[in-house]
Amino acid sequence: MARVHPEKILEYLGQELRPALEKAVKAAVPGAEFDARALYAGFLREVAKSYPSYEQVPDSCVQT
């Protein structure tokens, strides 16, 4: 099993994931107005609280 740091991975992938999160929220809450960067930053803070350290994931989730 590999060990990953969820917050660091999400920070690294932020440019790709931020627009996807924005689309998902807009689809789930039509008419919602929000700052996508602030939303993603808040999401990262919550991830950091929930997963403050490294987590084990199956080897099939990573490629070395």
PDB file of N, CA and C in Angstrom:
ATOM      1  N   MET A   1       0.848  -1.179   0.000  1.00  0.00           N
ATOM      2  CA  MET A   1       0.000   0.000   0.000  1.00  0.00           C
ATOM      3  C   MET A   1       0.895   1.246   0.000  1.00  0.00           C
ATOM      4  N   ALA A   2       0.510   2.193  -0.804  1.00  0.00           N
ATOM      5  CA  ALA A   2       1.235   3.458  -0.878  1.00  0.00           C
ATOM      6  C   ALA A   2       0.685   4.427   0.165  1.00  0.00           C
ATOM      7  N   ARG A   3       1.506   5.405   0.521  1.00  0.00           N
ATOM      8  CA  ARG A   3       1.064   6.442   1.457  1.00  0.00           C
ATOM      9  C   ARG A   3       1.052   7.769   0.711  1.00  0.00           C
ATOM     10  N   VAL A   4      -0.039   8.506   0.853  1.00  0.00           N
ATOM     11  CA  VAL A   4      -0.172   9.804   0.189  1.00  0.00           C
ATOM     12  C   VAL A   4      -0.660  10.842   1.196  1.00  0.00           C
ATOM     13  N   HIS A   5      -0.379  12.088   0.895  1.00  0.00           N
ATOM     14  CA  HIS A   5      -0.859  13.199   1.725  1.00  0.00           C
ATOM     15  C   HIS A   5      -1.967  13.879   0.924  1.00  0.00           C
ATOM     16  N   PRO A   6      -3.243  13.628   1.261  1.00  0.00           N
ATOM     17  CA  PRO A   6      -4.366  14.136   0.464  1.00  0.00           C
ATOM     18  C   PRO A   6      -4.317  15.636   0.194  1.00  0.00           C
ATOM     19  N   GLU A   7      -4.034  16.440   1.204  1.00  0.00           N
ATOM     20  CA  GLU A   7      -4.029  17.893   1.003  1.00  0.00           C
ATOM     21  C   GLU A   7      -2.979  18.300  -0.024  1.00  0.00           C
ATOM     22  N   LYS A   8      -1.793  17.720   0.067  1.00  0.00           N
ATOM     23  CA  LYS A   8      -0.720  18.074  -0.865  1.00  0.00           C
ATOM     24  C   LYS A   8      -1.068  17.665  -2.290  1.00  0.00           C
ATOM     25  N   ILE A   9      -1.705  16.518  -2.440  1.00  0.00           N
ATOM     26  CA  ILE A   9      -2.113  16.077  -3.776  1.00  0.00           C
ATOM     27  C   ILE A   9      -3.145  17.037  -4.347  1.00  0.00           C
ATOM     28  N   LEU A  10      -4.121  17.415  -3.542  1.00  0.00           N
ATOM     29  CA  LEU A  10      -5.163  18.330  -4.016  1.00  0.00           C
ATOM     30  C   LEU A  10      -4.606  19.718  -4.306  1.00  0.00           C
ATOM     31  N   GLU A  11      -3.625  20.168  -3.527  1.00  0.00           N
ATOM     32  CA  GLU A  11      -2.967  21.445  -3.824  1.00  0.00           C
ATOM     33  C   GLU A  11      -2.263  21.360  -5.174  1.00  0.00           C
ATOM     34  N   TYR A  12      -1.549  20.272  -5.393  1.00  0.00           N
ATOM     35  CA  TYR A  12      -0.801  20.084  -6.636  1.00  0.00           C
ATOM     36  C   TYR A  12      -1.732  20.057  -7.847  1.00  0.00           C
ATOM     37  N   LEU A  13      -2.890  19.434  -7.700  1.00  0.00           N
ATOM     38  CA  LEU A  13      -3.842  19.294  -8.804  1.00  0.00           C
ATOM     39  C   LEU A  13      -4.870  20.424  -8.853  1.00  0.00           C
ATOM     40  N   GLY A  14      -4.680  21.450  -8.059  1.00  0.00           N
ATOM     41  CA  GLY A  14      -5.660  22.521  -7.934  1.00  0.00           C
ATOM     42  C   GLY A  14      -6.105  23.148  -9.238  1.00  0.00           C
ATOM     43  N   GLN A  15      -5.179  23.424 -10.144  1.00  0.00           N
ATOM     44  CA  GLN A  15      -5.559  24.065 -11.409  1.00  0.00           C
ATOM     45  C   GLN A  15      -6.534  23.214 -12.204  1.00  0.00           C
ATOM     46  N   GLU A  16      -6.384  21.905 -12.134  1.00  0.00           N
ATOM     47  CA  GLU A  16      -7.269  21.005 -12.865  1.00  0.00           C
ATOM     48  C   GLU A  16      -8.568  20.742 -12.105  1.00  0.00           C
ATOM     49  N   LEU A  17      -8.479  20.640 -10.782  1.00  0.00           N
ATOM     50  CA  LEU A  17      -9.646  20.265  -9.987  1.00  0.00           C
ATOM     51  C   LEU A  17     -10.560  21.431  -9.640  1.00  0.00           C
ATOM     52  N   ARG A  18     -10.008  22.634  -9.508  1.00  0.00           N
ATOM     53  CA  ARG A  18     -10.826  23.789  -9.133  1.00  0.00           C
ATOM     54  C   ARG A  18     -11.980  24.011 -10.119  1.00  0.00           C
ATOM     55  N   PRO A  19     -11.736  24.001 -11.437  1.00  0.00           N
ATOM     56  CA  PRO A  19     -12.860  24.170 -12.368  1.00  0.00           C
ATOM     57  C   PRO A  19     -13.882  23.032 -12.274  1.00  0.00           C
ATOM     58  N   ALA A  20     -13.417  21.825 -12.008  1.00  0.00           N
ATOM     59  CA  ALA A  20     -14.335  20.689 -11.884  1.00  0.00           C
ATOM     60  C   ALA A  20     -15.223  20.853 -10.655  1.00  0.00           C
ATOM     61  N   LEU A  21     -14.648  21.309  -9.549  1.00  0.00           N
ATOM     62  CA  LEU A  21     -15.436  21.544  -8.337  1.00  0.00           C
ATOM     63  C   LEU A  21     -16.445  22.658  -8.582  1.00  0.00           C
ATOM     64  N   GLU A  22     -16.024  23.703  -9.267  1.00  0.00           N
ATOM     65  CA  GLU A  22     -16.928  24.815  -9.585  1.00  0.00           C
ATOM     66  C   GLU A  22     -18.120  24.322 -10.408  1.00  0.00           C
ATOM     67  N   LYS A  23     -17.856  23.514 -11.434  1.00  0.00           N
ATOM     68  CA  LYS A  23     -18.937  22.969 -12.268  1.00  0.00           C
ATOM     69  C   LYS A  23     -19.879  22.095 -11.450  1.00  0.00           C
ATOM     70  N   ALA A  24     -19.312  21.270 -10.579  1.00  0.00           N
ATOM     71  CA  ALA A  24     -20.131  20.367  -9.768  1.00  0.00           C
ATOM     72  C   ALA A  24     -21.048  21.142  -8.832  1.00  0.00           C
ATOM     73  N   VAL A  25     -20.528  22.193  -8.208  1.00  0.00           N
ATOM     74  CA  VAL A  25     -21.353  22.993  -7.295  1.00  0.00           C
ATOM     75  C   VAL A  25     -22.447  23.710  -8.074  1.00  0.00           C
ATOM     76  N   LYS A  26     -22.095  24.275  -9.225  1.00  0.00           N
ATOM     77  CA  LYS A  26     -23.098  24.975 -10.035  1.00  0.00           C
ATOM     78  C   LYS A  26     -24.191  24.023 -10.511  1.00  0.00           C
ATOM     79  N   ALA A  27     -23.829  22.778 -10.806  1.00  0.00           N
ATOM     80  CA  ALA A  27     -24.823  21.789 -11.229  1.00  0.00           C
ATOM     81  C   ALA A  27     -25.712  21.369 -10.059  1.00  0.00           C
ATOM     82  N   ALA A  28     -25.116  21.248  -8.883  1.00  0.00           N
ATOM     83  CA  ALA A  28     -25.871  20.812  -7.708  1.00  0.00           C
ATOM     84  C   ALA A  28     -26.716  21.932  -7.115  1.00  0.00           C
ATOM     85  N   VAL A  29     -26.241  23.165  -7.261  1.00  0.00           N
ATOM     86  CA  VAL A  29     -26.933  24.320  -6.683  1.00  0.00           C
ATOM     87  C   VAL A  29     -27.091  25.377  -7.786  1.00  0.00           C
ATOM     88  N   PRO A  30     -28.057  25.174  -8.677  1.00  0.00           N
ATOM     89  CA  PRO A  30     -28.236  26.129  -9.777  1.00  0.00           C
ATOM     90  C   PRO A  30     -28.426  27.555  -9.251  1.00  0.00           C
ATOM     91  N   GLY A  31     -27.757  28.490  -9.901  1.00  0.00           N
ATOM     92  CA  GLY A  31     -27.867  29.886  -9.501  1.00  0.00           C
ATOM     93  C   GLY A  31     -26.923  30.294  -8.382  1.00  0.00           C
ATOM     94  N   ALA A  32     -26.152  29.350  -7.883  1.00  0.00           N
ATOM     95  CA  ALA A  32     -25.213  29.661  -6.800  1.00  0.00           C
ATOM     96  C   ALA A  32     -24.142  30.623  -7.305  1.00  0.00           C
ATOM     97  N   GLU A  33     -23.820  31.610  -6.487  1.00  0.00           N
ATOM     98  CA  GLU A  33     -22.754  32.548  -6.810  1.00  0.00           C
ATOM     99  C   GLU A  33     -21.683  32.433  -5.739  1.00  0.00           C
ATOM    100  N   PHE A  34     -20.455  32.223  -6.166  1.00  0.00           N
ATOM    101  CA  PHE A  34     -19.353  32.040  -5.231  1.00  0.00           C
ATOM    102  C   PHE A  34     -18.044  32.289  -5.956  1.00  0.00           C
ATOM    103  N   ASP A  35     -17.004  32.493  -5.183  1.00  0.00           N
ATOM    104  CA  ASP A  35     -15.656  32.646  -5.718  1.00  0.00           C
ATOM    105  C   ASP A  35     -15.031  31.250  -5.771  1.00  0.00           C
ATOM    106  N   ALA A  36     -14.706  30.783  -6.971  1.00  0.00           N
ATOM    107  CA  ALA A  36     -14.195  29.421  -7.136  1.00  0.00           C
ATOM    108  C   ALA A  36     -12.889  29.207  -6.377  1.00  0.00           C
ATOM    109  N   ARG A  37     -12.039  30.220  -6.342  1.00  0.00           N
ATOM    110  CA  ARG A  37     -10.768  30.081  -5.611  1.00  0.00           C
ATOM    111  C   ARG A  37     -11.011  29.965  -4.108  1.00  0.00           C
ATOM    112  N   ALA A  38     -11.926  30.769  -3.596  1.00  0.00           N
ATOM    113  CA  ALA A  38     -12.252  30.707  -2.167  1.00  0.00           C
ATOM    114  C   ALA A  38     -12.899  29.366  -1.826  1.00  0.00           C
ATOM    115  N   LEU A  39     -13.747  28.877  -2.709  1.00  0.00           N
ATOM    116  CA  LEU A  39     -14.378  27.573  -2.501  1.00  0.00           C
ATOM    117  C   LEU A  39     -13.322  26.481  -2.418  1.00  0.00           C
ATOM    118  N   TYR A  40     -12.383  26.474  -3.357  1.00  0.00           N
ATOM    119  CA  TYR A  40     -11.353  25.443  -3.370  1.00  0.00           C
ATOM    120  C   TYR A  40     -10.444  25.570  -2.148  1.00  0.00           C
ATOM    121  N   ALA A  41     -10.119  26.800  -1.754  1.00  0.00           N
ATOM    122  CA  ALA A  41      -9.290  27.008  -0.561  1.00  0.00           C
ATOM    123  C   ALA A  41     -10.000  26.475   0.684  1.00  0.00           C
ATOM    124  N   GLY A  42     -11.299  26.718   0.781  1.00  0.00           N
ATOM    125  CA  GLY A  42     -12.071  26.191   1.901  1.00  0.00           C
ATOM    126  C   GLY A  42     -12.122  24.676   1.884  1.00  0.00           C
ATOM    127  N   PHE A  43     -12.259  24.119   0.699  1.00  0.00           N
ATOM    128  CA  PHE A  43     -12.246  22.669   0.534  1.00  0.00           C
ATOM    129  C   PHE A  43     -10.913  22.100   1.024  1.00  0.00           C
ATOM    130  N   LEU A  44      -9.806  22.725   0.639  1.00  0.00           N
ATOM    131  CA  LEU A  44      -8.493  22.259   1.082  1.00  0.00           C
ATOM    132  C   LEU A  44      -8.350  22.338   2.603  1.00  0.00           C
ATOM    133  N   ARG A  45      -8.874  23.400   3.206  1.00  0.00           N
ATOM    134  CA  ARG A  45      -8.815  23.513   4.677  1.00  0.00           C
ATOM    135  C   ARG A  45      -9.562  22.362   5.341  1.00  0.00           C
ATOM    136  N   GLU A  46     -10.725  22.023   4.816  1.00  0.00           N
ATOM    137  CA  GLU A  46     -11.509  20.924   5.392  1.00  0.00           C
ATOM    138  C   GLU A  46     -10.808  19.582   5.193  1.00  0.00           C
ATOM    139  N   VAL A  47     -10.186  19.393   4.042  1.00  0.00           N
ATOM    140  CA  VAL A  47      -9.422  18.164   3.802  1.00  0.00           C
ATOM    141  C   VAL A  47      -8.274  18.080   4.804  1.00  0.00           C
ATOM    142  N   ALA A  48      -7.587  19.196   5.024  1.00  0.00           N
ATOM    143  CA  ALA A  48      -6.463  19.213   5.968  1.00  0.00           C
ATOM    144  C   ALA A  48      -6.916  18.846   7.376  1.00  0.00           C
ATOM    145  N   LYS A  49      -8.103  19.290   7.763  1.00  0.00           N
ATOM    146  CA  LYS A  49      -8.635  18.949   9.088  1.00  0.00           C
ATOM    147  C   LYS A  49      -8.982  17.465   9.174  1.00  0.00           C
ATOM    148  N   SER A  50      -9.547  16.933   8.104  1.00  0.00           N
ATOM    149  CA  SER A  50      -9.989  15.538   8.104  1.00  0.00           C
ATOM    150  C   SER A  50      -8.839  14.555   7.920  1.00  0.00           C
ATOM    151  N   TYR A  51      -7.832  14.968   7.161  1.00  0.00           N
ATOM    152  CA  TYR A  51      -6.701  14.095   6.847  1.00  0.00           C
ATOM    153  C   TYR A  51      -5.404  14.854   7.085  1.00  0.00           C
ATOM    154  N   PRO A  52      -5.018  15.054   8.357  1.00  0.00           N
ATOM    155  CA  PRO A  52      -3.847  15.879   8.659  1.00  0.00           C
ATOM    156  C   PRO A  52      -2.504  15.225   8.345  1.00  0.00           C
ATOM    157  N   SER A  53      -2.511  13.938   8.050  1.00  0.00           N
ATOM    158  CA  SER A  53      -1.242  13.268   7.785  1.00  0.00           C
ATOM    159  C   SER A  53      -1.387  12.367   6.566  1.00  0.00           C
ATOM    160  N   TYR A  54      -0.430  11.511   6.392  1.00  0.00           N
ATOM    161  CA  TYR A  54      -0.445  10.600   5.251  1.00  0.00           C
ATOM    162  C   TYR A  54      -1.492   9.510   5.438  1.00  0.00           C
ATOM    163  N   GLU A  55      -2.106   9.125   4.338  1.00  0.00           N
ATOM    164  CA  GLU A  55      -3.119   8.074   4.329  1.00  0.00           C
ATOM    165  C   GLU A  55      -2.645   6.947   3.416  1.00  0.00           C
ATOM    166  N   GLN A  56      -3.000   5.738   3.783  1.00  0.00           N
ATOM    167  CA  GLN A  56      -2.649   4.601   2.936  1.00  0.00           C
ATOM    168  C   GLN A  56      -3.708   4.422   1.859  1.00  0.00           C
ATOM    169  N   VAL A  57      -3.245   4.183   0.640  1.00  0.00           N
ATOM    170  CA  VAL A  57      -4.140   3.907  -0.479  1.00  0.00           C
ATOM    171  C   VAL A  57      -3.627   2.652  -1.177  1.00  0.00           C
ATOM    172  N   PRO A  58      -4.505   1.930  -1.864  1.00  0.00           N
ATOM    173  CA  PRO A  58      -4.057   0.737  -2.576  1.00  0.00           C
ATOM    174  C   PRO A  58      -3.011   1.088  -3.632  1.00  0.00           C
ATOM    175  N   ASP A  59      -2.098   0.179  -3.866  1.00  0.00           N
ATOM    176  CA  ASP A  59      -1.061   0.397  -4.870  1.00  0.00           C
ATOM    177  C   ASP A  59      -1.652   0.686  -6.244  1.00  0.00           C
ATOM    178  N   SER A  60      -2.853   0.199  -6.497  1.00  0.00           N
ATOM    179  CA  SER A  60      -3.488   0.432  -7.796  1.00  0.00           C
ATOM    180  C   SER A  60      -3.834   1.907  -8.013  1.00  0.00           C
ATOM    181  N   CYS A  61      -3.768   2.707  -6.948  1.00  0.00           N
ATOM    182  CA  CYS A  61      -4.089   4.144  -7.043  1.00  0.00           C
ATOM    183  C   CYS A  61      -2.879   4.998  -7.389  1.00  0.00           C
ATOM    184  N   VAL A  62      -1.698   4.413  -7.381  1.00  0.00           N
ATOM    185  CA  VAL A  62      -0.485   5.179  -7.681  1.00  0.00           C
ATOM    186  C   VAL A  62       0.364   4.421  -8.688  1.00  0.00           C
ATOM    187  N   GLN A  63       1.144   5.183  -9.420  1.00  0.00           N
ATOM    188  CA  GLN A  63       2.077   4.585 -10.373  1.00  0.00           C
ATOM    189  C   GLN A  63       3.445   5.167 -10.073  1.00  0.00           C
ATOM    190  N   THR A  64       4.433   4.310  -9.942  1.00  0.00           N
ATOM    191  CA  THR A  64       5.776   4.811  -9.633  1.00  0.00           C
ATOM    192  C   THR A  64       6.714   4.592 -10.783  1.00  0.00           C
TER     193      THR A  64
END
